[in-house]
Amino acid sequence: MKAVKYHGPRNLEFIDIPKPQAGPGQVVVKIVFCGICGTDVHAYSLPGIFNWELVLGHEAVGYVEEVGEGVTCVKVGDRVAVGPPGDCGHCYSCNTGNPNTCIHGFPNTLGIGPDTQGAYAEYILSKFPQNELFVIPDSITFEQAVLFDVLGVGFHAVRRSDIRVGDSAVVLGCGSIGLSIIQAAKLAGATHLIAFDPLGSKRQLALEVGADYAFDPGNEEDVAKARELLWRANGAQVCFEAAGHPSAIQTCVDLCMPSGQVMLVGSDSRPYELVTSAIGHKQCDLKFSFVYTKEEIGMLFDLIGAGKLDTSPYSLLKVPLEDAISKLEELATGKLNVARVLLTPNVEG
């Protein structure tokens, strides 16, 4: 079968690899769509994201093709989303209510962990189907379901934050993750929901999904307007960094109210210089957020099915698997402006 292998930044290869077969407790999934994630784009363009080889692709949906002995959670023909392997049930994180930080989860995630075979391919092998495969409700299309990863990251960040009804919130970065944060923060009851992005098209999307204001972080007048809107508490109660850029972290810190919270959601390999004497007096909480839990995927599917989470603003471009490398280059250089590029390894679905 065809696949795209990552060897390093701007070093990918379109190759043939054996089609996987399901052993006991395993499931083979035929891929319909695999989204090109921002993490994939960063790994393609920047060193320090993945220091190992793998077949990329961790935002996938498809059909169950083959079920191994002992598997009862799915059956052949089921429509499924393929997520992280979830909790091992044995490590400290899993046993203290934080399965998304399971020490075995990241290295075993398809398309993320070292030498894994992700969904930039025609088929994937799920070794942890009980935790890794999410049956897609009949009321949700593949196009909606494939957004589970990007929606889940923003959804989890808001649930992990301290935001309360009536709080003001700032979101830096209006890409796919930022848009999901805006929607979730709106559901949580945020007021004065302020979005920042240097691109006008993304600021418009932010307004469409629920932001009250959308500003350019590079425009001093826009930043000043945001400060005026946040005068009551001298800043926002919660600022979400979703751009994956050091300057966005600084803007979040600057706009956070004293004793407020900065949620670090974006992923980036560039260092951020933290000057404690400049911000220590604000007593802000800096808190990281990482992916989501399997329970939250069920919540997302319920919200999408009920029409409470809108997937329509997320523009989708469907392309053949062989275009993966060229589309990564276009995304990395800013020549392509869509919410998600969907690879279609099996065009017939």
Protein backbone atom coordinates (compact mmCIF):
# COMPACT_ATOMS: atom_id res chain seq x y z
CA MET A 1 0.00 0.00 0.00
CA LYS A 2 1.04 3.62 -0.47
CA ALA A 3 2.29 5.77 2.43
CA VAL A 4 4.27 8.96 3.14
CA LYS A 5 7.30 8.53 5.38
CA TYR A 6 8.94 11.32 7.38
CA HIS A 7 12.75 11.28 7.57
CA GLY A 8 13.20 14.83 8.88
CA PRO A 9 12.33 18.46 8.10
CA ARG A 10 11.54 18.83 4.37
CA ASN A 11 12.64 15.23 3.87
CA LEU A 12 9.58 13.08 3.16
CA GLU A 13 9.17 10.11 0.83
CA PHE A 14 6.17 8.60 -0.98
CA ILE A 15 6.70 4.84 -0.55
CA ASP A 16 5.15 1.37 -0.72
CA ILE A 17 4.80 -0.55 2.56
CA PRO A 18 3.00 -3.80 3.43
CA LYS A 19 -0.70 -3.59 4.26
CA PRO A 20 -1.18 -4.35 7.97
CA GLN A 21 -3.03 -7.43 9.19
CA ALA A 22 -5.01 -7.66 12.42
CA GLY A 23 -3.61 -9.93 15.11
CA PRO A 24 -5.42 -10.83 18.34
CA GLY A 25 -6.87 -7.71 19.95
CA GLN A 26 -6.06 -5.56 16.91
CA VAL A 27 -8.07 -3.79 14.20
CA VAL A 28 -7.25 -2.69 10.64
CA VAL A 29 -8.92 0.56 9.54
CA LYS A 30 -9.29 1.63 5.91
CA ILE A 31 -8.59 5.38 5.84
CA VAL A 32 -11.14 7.70 4.23
CA PHE A 33 -9.67 11.03 5.38
CA CYS A 34 -6.52 12.05 7.23
CA GLY A 35 -6.09 15.69 8.13
CA ILE A 36 -2.75 17.46 7.83
CA CYS A 37 -2.27 18.77 11.36
CA GLY A 38 -0.39 21.90 12.39
CA THR A 39 2.03 19.62 14.23
CA ASP A 40 2.77 17.87 10.93
CA VAL A 41 3.43 21.24 9.29
CA HIS A 42 5.76 22.27 12.13
CA ALA A 43 7.60 18.94 11.90
CA TYR A 44 7.93 19.40 8.15
CA SER A 45 9.34 22.92 8.41
CA LEU A 46 11.15 23.06 11.77
CA PRO A 47 13.74 20.88 13.51
CA GLY A 48 13.13 19.58 17.01
CA ILE A 49 9.52 18.38 16.65
CA PHE A 50 10.18 14.76 15.64
CA ASN A 51 13.72 13.48 15.98
CA TRP A 52 12.75 10.10 14.55
CA GLU A 53 11.33 8.51 11.41
CA LEU A 54 7.67 7.60 11.02
CA VAL A 55 4.69 7.58 8.70
CA LEU A 56 2.83 10.78 9.57
CA GLY A 57 -0.91 11.15 10.15
CA HIS A 58 -2.84 11.26 13.43
CA GLU A 59 -6.16 12.88 12.42
CA ALA A 60 -7.92 10.01 10.70
CA VAL A 61 -11.36 8.56 10.04
CA GLY A 62 -12.32 5.46 8.11
CA TYR A 63 -14.03 2.09 8.05
CA VAL A 64 -13.15 -0.95 10.15
CA GLU A 65 -11.71 -3.38 7.59
CA GLU A 66 -10.57 -6.29 9.75
CA VAL A 67 -11.08 -7.26 13.39
CA GLY A 68 -8.70 -9.52 15.28
CA GLU A 69 -9.62 -12.22 17.75
CA GLY A 70 -11.04 -10.93 21.03
CA VAL A 71 -12.05 -7.46 19.80
CA THR A 72 -15.60 -6.55 20.85
CA CYS A 73 -15.58 -2.72 20.82
CA VAL A 74 -15.98 -2.41 17.03
CA LYS A 75 -17.08 -4.59 14.12
CA VAL A 76 -16.27 -4.72 10.41
CA GLY A 77 -17.93 -1.83 8.59
CA ASP A 78 -18.08 0.54 11.56
CA ARG A 79 -17.18 4.16 10.83
CA VAL A 80 -14.48 5.17 13.29
CA ALA A 81 -12.22 8.05 14.24
CA VAL A 82 -8.65 7.04 15.13
CA GLY A 83 -7.26 8.87 18.14
CA PRO A 84 -4.38 8.50 20.61
CA PRO A 85 -4.03 5.11 22.34
CA GLY A 86 -5.38 6.54 25.58
CA ASP A 87 -4.65 5.34 29.07
CA CYS A 88 -2.51 2.31 29.77
CA GLY A 89 -4.20 1.96 33.15
CA HIS A 90 -0.93 1.36 34.97
CA CYS A 91 1.13 4.57 35.10
CA TYR A 92 0.74 7.34 37.68
CA SER A 93 -0.98 9.72 35.25
CA CYS A 94 -3.63 7.17 34.33
CA ASN A 95 -4.29 6.29 37.95
CA THR A 96 -4.66 9.92 39.02
CA GLY A 97 -7.21 11.02 36.43
CA ASN A 98 -4.90 12.34 33.70
CA PRO A 99 -4.99 9.67 30.97
CA ASN A 100 -4.09 12.19 28.23
CA THR A 101 -0.61 12.45 29.80
CA CYS A 102 -0.10 8.68 30.03
CA ILE A 103 3.64 8.05 29.75
CA HIS A 104 2.97 5.37 27.12
CA GLY A 105 0.39 7.39 25.16
CA PHE A 106 2.60 9.78 23.19
CA PRO A 107 5.17 7.23 21.95
CA ASN A 108 2.37 4.83 20.92
CA THR A 109 0.24 7.40 19.08
CA LEU A 110 0.06 6.55 15.39
CA GLY A 111 1.69 9.23 13.26
CA ILE A 112 3.36 10.77 16.31
CA GLY A 113 5.44 8.17 18.13
CA PRO A 114 8.84 6.94 16.92
CA ASP A 115 8.60 4.48 14.01
CA THR A 116 4.80 4.39 14.13
CA GLN A 117 2.74 4.01 10.97
CA GLY A 118 0.17 6.75 10.88
CA ALA A 119 -2.65 7.55 8.46
CA TYR A 120 -0.70 9.14 5.63
CA ALA A 121 -1.38 5.68 4.26
CA GLU A 122 -4.22 3.56 2.89
CA TYR A 123 -4.66 1.54 6.10
CA ILE A 124 -3.61 1.71 9.74
CA LEU A 125 -3.31 -0.97 12.40
CA SER A 126 -4.92 -0.13 15.74
CA LYS A 127 -3.21 -2.01 18.55
CA PHE A 128 -5.33 -0.36 21.25
CA PRO A 129 -8.84 -0.33 19.72
CA GLN A 130 -10.66 -0.06 23.05
CA ASN A 131 -9.08 3.35 23.68
CA GLU A 132 -8.00 4.37 20.19
CA LEU A 133 -11.11 3.91 18.03
CA PHE A 134 -14.24 6.05 18.42
CA VAL A 135 -17.38 4.92 16.63
CA ILE A 136 -18.84 7.85 14.68
CA PRO A 137 -22.57 8.44 15.27
CA ASP A 138 -24.82 8.16 12.20
CA SER A 139 -25.77 11.83 12.58
CA ILE A 140 -22.19 12.98 11.91
CA THR A 141 -20.43 12.94 8.54
CA PHE A 142 -16.83 11.89 7.97
CA GLU A 143 -16.05 15.53 7.13
CA GLN A 144 -17.30 16.58 10.57
CA ALA A 145 -15.79 13.66 12.45
CA VAL A 146 -12.29 14.15 11.02
CA LEU A 147 -12.17 17.44 12.94
CA PHE A 148 -12.34 15.56 16.26
CA ASP A 149 -8.65 16.06 16.94
CA VAL A 150 -8.51 19.79 16.35
CA LEU A 151 -11.82 20.37 18.12
CA GLY A 152 -10.74 18.11 20.97
CA VAL A 153 -7.52 20.03 21.64
CA GLY A 154 -9.36 23.35 22.01
CA PHE A 155 -12.23 21.78 23.93
CA HIS A 156 -9.87 20.16 26.43
CA ALA A 157 -7.94 23.42 26.88
CA VAL A 158 -11.11 25.30 27.82
CA ARG A 159 -12.26 22.52 30.16
CA ARG A 160 -8.81 22.49 31.79
CA SER A 161 -8.77 26.25 32.24
CA ASP A 162 -10.33 28.23 35.10
CA ILE A 163 -12.77 30.10 32.86
CA ARG A 164 -16.20 30.80 34.35
CA VAL A 165 -19.43 32.29 33.05
CA GLY A 166 -18.97 36.03 32.56
CA ASP A 167 -15.16 35.95 32.35
CA SER A 168 -13.26 37.71 29.59
CA ALA A 169 -11.02 35.59 27.40
CA VAL A 170 -8.30 36.25 24.83
CA VAL A 171 -7.32 33.76 22.12
CA LEU A 172 -4.01 34.24 20.30
CA GLY A 173 -4.01 32.46 16.95
CA CYS A 174 -7.15 31.78 14.90
CA GLY A 175 -6.11 28.65 13.10
CA SER A 176 -8.05 25.43 13.61
CA ILE A 177 -7.11 25.10 17.29
CA GLY A 178 -7.86 28.75 18.03
CA LEU A 179 -11.28 28.49 16.38
CA SER A 180 -12.12 25.45 18.51
CA ILE A 181 -11.07 27.33 21.65
CA ILE A 182 -13.30 30.25 20.69
CA GLN A 183 -16.31 27.98 20.23
CA ALA A 184 -15.70 26.12 23.49
CA ALA A 185 -15.08 29.36 25.44
CA LYS A 186 -18.33 30.76 24.06
CA LEU A 187 -20.16 27.64 25.24
CA ALA A 188 -18.52 28.12 28.65
CA GLY A 189 -20.05 31.60 28.92
CA ALA A 190 -17.11 33.87 28.13
CA THR A 191 -17.87 37.54 27.56
CA HIS A 192 -15.55 39.98 25.78
CA LEU A 193 -14.13 37.05 23.82
CA ILE A 194 -11.22 38.66 21.96
CA ALA A 195 -9.31 36.92 19.18
CA PHE A 196 -5.96 37.88 17.66
CA ASP A 197 -4.44 36.81 14.35
CA PRO A 198 -2.24 38.63 11.82
CA LEU A 199 -4.34 37.36 8.89
CA GLY A 200 -7.58 39.16 8.12
CA SER A 201 -9.19 36.00 6.75
CA LYS A 202 -8.60 34.19 10.03
CA ARG A 203 -9.89 37.13 12.05
CA GLN A 204 -13.10 36.96 10.01
CA LEU A 205 -13.42 33.24 10.77
CA ALA A 206 -12.94 33.99 14.46
CA LEU A 207 -15.89 36.36 14.37
CA GLU A 208 -17.99 33.78 12.52
CA VAL A 209 -17.48 31.11 15.18
CA GLY A 210 -18.24 33.38 18.12
CA ALA A 211 -15.48 35.87 18.91
CA ASP A 212 -16.81 39.29 19.91
CA TYR A 213 -13.75 41.10 18.56
CA ALA A 214 -10.88 40.13 16.28
CA PHE A 215 -7.64 42.12 16.19
CA ASP A 216 -4.20 42.10 14.59
CA PRO A 217 -1.54 41.35 17.26
CA GLY A 218 1.03 43.33 15.25
CA ASN A 219 -1.08 46.48 15.29
CA GLU A 220 -0.45 48.57 18.42
CA GLU A 221 -3.80 50.34 18.07
CA ASP A 222 -5.61 47.00 18.00
CA VAL A 223 -3.79 45.83 21.11
CA ALA A 224 -4.71 49.11 22.82
CA LYS A 225 -8.38 48.56 21.90
CA ALA A 226 -8.23 45.13 23.52
CA ARG A 227 -6.81 46.65 26.70
CA GLU A 228 -9.68 49.15 26.79
CA LEU A 229 -12.23 46.35 26.48
CA LEU A 230 -10.55 44.51 29.36
CA TRP A 231 -10.41 47.54 31.67
CA ARG A 232 -12.71 46.15 34.35
CA ALA A 233 -10.23 43.50 35.56
CA ASN A 234 -7.10 45.08 34.04
CA GLY A 235 -6.89 42.19 31.62
CA ALA A 236 -8.54 38.93 30.68
CA GLN A 237 -9.24 36.25 33.25
CA VAL A 238 -7.90 33.63 30.83
CA CYS A 239 -5.64 34.01 27.79
CA PHE A 240 -5.22 31.06 25.41
CA GLU A 241 -2.05 30.79 23.33
CA ALA A 242 -2.94 28.77 20.22
CA ALA A 243 -0.51 30.19 17.67
CA GLY A 244 2.53 28.15 18.64
CA HIS A 245 4.81 31.20 18.59
CA PRO A 246 6.90 32.90 21.33
CA SER A 247 5.49 36.35 20.52
CA ALA A 248 1.95 35.05 21.07
CA ILE A 249 2.91 33.82 24.53
CA GLN A 250 4.19 37.29 25.38
CA THR A 251 0.98 38.92 24.17
CA CYS A 252 -1.03 36.52 26.32
CA VAL A 253 1.06 37.41 29.36
CA ASP A 254 0.68 41.13 28.62
CA LEU A 255 -3.12 40.93 28.30
CA CYS A 256 -3.68 38.60 31.25
CA MET A 257 -5.15 40.23 34.33
CA PRO A 258 -3.25 40.10 37.65
CA SER A 259 -3.79 36.65 39.17
CA GLY A 260 -5.23 35.51 35.83
CA GLN A 261 -4.33 32.45 33.79
CA VAL A 262 -2.40 31.85 30.58
CA MET A 263 -3.23 28.53 28.88
CA LEU A 264 -0.39 27.33 26.65
CA VAL A 265 -1.99 25.23 23.92
CA GLY A 266 0.15 25.83 20.83
CA SER A 267 3.14 23.62 20.02
CA ASP A 268 6.46 25.07 18.90
CA SER A 269 10.17 24.24 19.11
CA ARG A 270 11.40 27.83 19.48
CA PRO A 271 12.36 29.00 22.98
CA TYR A 272 10.39 31.60 24.93
CA GLU A 273 12.32 33.92 27.21
CA LEU A 274 10.57 34.13 30.57
CA VAL A 275 11.64 37.19 32.59
CA THR A 276 10.23 36.66 36.07
CA SER A 277 10.96 40.20 37.26
CA ALA A 278 8.79 41.55 34.44
CA ILE A 279 5.75 39.37 35.08
CA GLY A 280 6.15 37.90 38.56
CA HIS A 281 4.25 40.75 40.18
CA LYS A 282 1.15 39.81 38.16
CA GLN A 283 1.05 36.35 39.80
CA CYS A 284 -0.30 34.76 36.63
CA ASP A 285 -0.74 31.02 36.33
CA LEU A 286 0.99 29.54 33.28
CA LYS A 287 -0.73 26.25 32.51
CA PHE A 288 -0.19 23.76 29.71
CA SER A 289 -2.89 21.79 27.94
CA PHE A 290 -2.25 18.59 26.00
CA VAL A 291 -4.61 16.85 23.56
CA TYR A 292 -7.85 15.49 25.10
CA THR A 293 -9.42 12.45 26.78
CA LYS A 294 -11.49 9.75 25.12
CA GLU A 295 -14.51 10.88 27.16
CA GLU A 296 -14.20 14.34 25.62
CA ILE A 297 -14.41 12.88 22.10
CA GLY A 298 -17.82 11.47 22.99
CA MET A 299 -18.84 14.89 24.32
CA LEU A 300 -17.69 16.53 21.07
CA PHE A 301 -19.68 14.13 18.91
CA ASP A 302 -22.75 14.85 21.06
CA LEU A 303 -22.26 18.63 20.72
CA ILE A 304 -21.74 18.42 16.95
CA GLY A 305 -24.80 16.20 16.55
CA ALA A 306 -26.88 18.64 18.61
CA GLY A 307 -25.71 21.59 16.53
CA LYS A 308 -23.95 23.24 19.47
CA LEU A 309 -20.51 23.00 17.84
CA ASP A 310 -20.40 24.32 14.28
CA THR A 311 -17.98 22.64 11.89
CA SER A 312 -19.09 24.58 8.80
CA PRO A 313 -16.51 27.43 9.17
CA TYR A 314 -13.68 24.91 8.85
CA SER A 315 -12.75 24.95 5.17
CA LEU A 316 -11.67 21.53 3.91
CA LEU A 317 -9.54 20.76 0.86
CA LYS A 318 -9.54 17.11 -0.23
CA VAL A 319 -6.44 15.91 -2.08
CA PRO A 320 -4.92 12.52 -3.05
CA LEU A 321 -2.32 10.99 -0.75
CA GLU A 322 0.42 11.57 -3.33
CA ASP A 323 -0.10 15.34 -2.92
CA ALA A 324 0.76 15.22 0.82
CA ILE A 325 4.33 16.49 0.45
CA SER A 326 3.44 19.39 -1.87
CA LYS A 327 0.55 20.44 0.37
CA LEU A 328 2.79 20.38 3.45
CA GLU A 329 5.14 22.75 1.63
CA GLU A 330 2.27 25.06 0.68
CA LEU A 331 0.97 25.09 4.24
CA ALA A 332 4.44 25.68 5.68
CA THR A 333 5.09 28.64 3.37
CA GLY A 334 1.67 30.20 3.82
CA LYS A 335 0.61 29.62 0.20
CA LEU A 336 -2.46 27.63 1.22
CA ASN A 337 -5.06 29.09 3.55
CA VAL A 338 -7.57 26.42 4.56
CA ALA A 339 -8.54 25.07 7.96
CA ARG A 340 -7.70 21.48 7.03
CA VAL A 341 -6.21 19.66 4.09
CA LEU A 342 -7.73 16.19 3.99
CA LEU A 343 -5.69 13.43 2.40
CA THR A 344 -7.82 10.76 0.67
CA PRO A 345 -5.74 7.56 0.53
CA ASN A 346 -8.77 5.54 -0.63
CA VAL A 347 -10.70 7.87 -2.89
CA GLU A 348 -13.59 5.48 -3.25
CA GLY A 349 -14.11 5.70 0.56
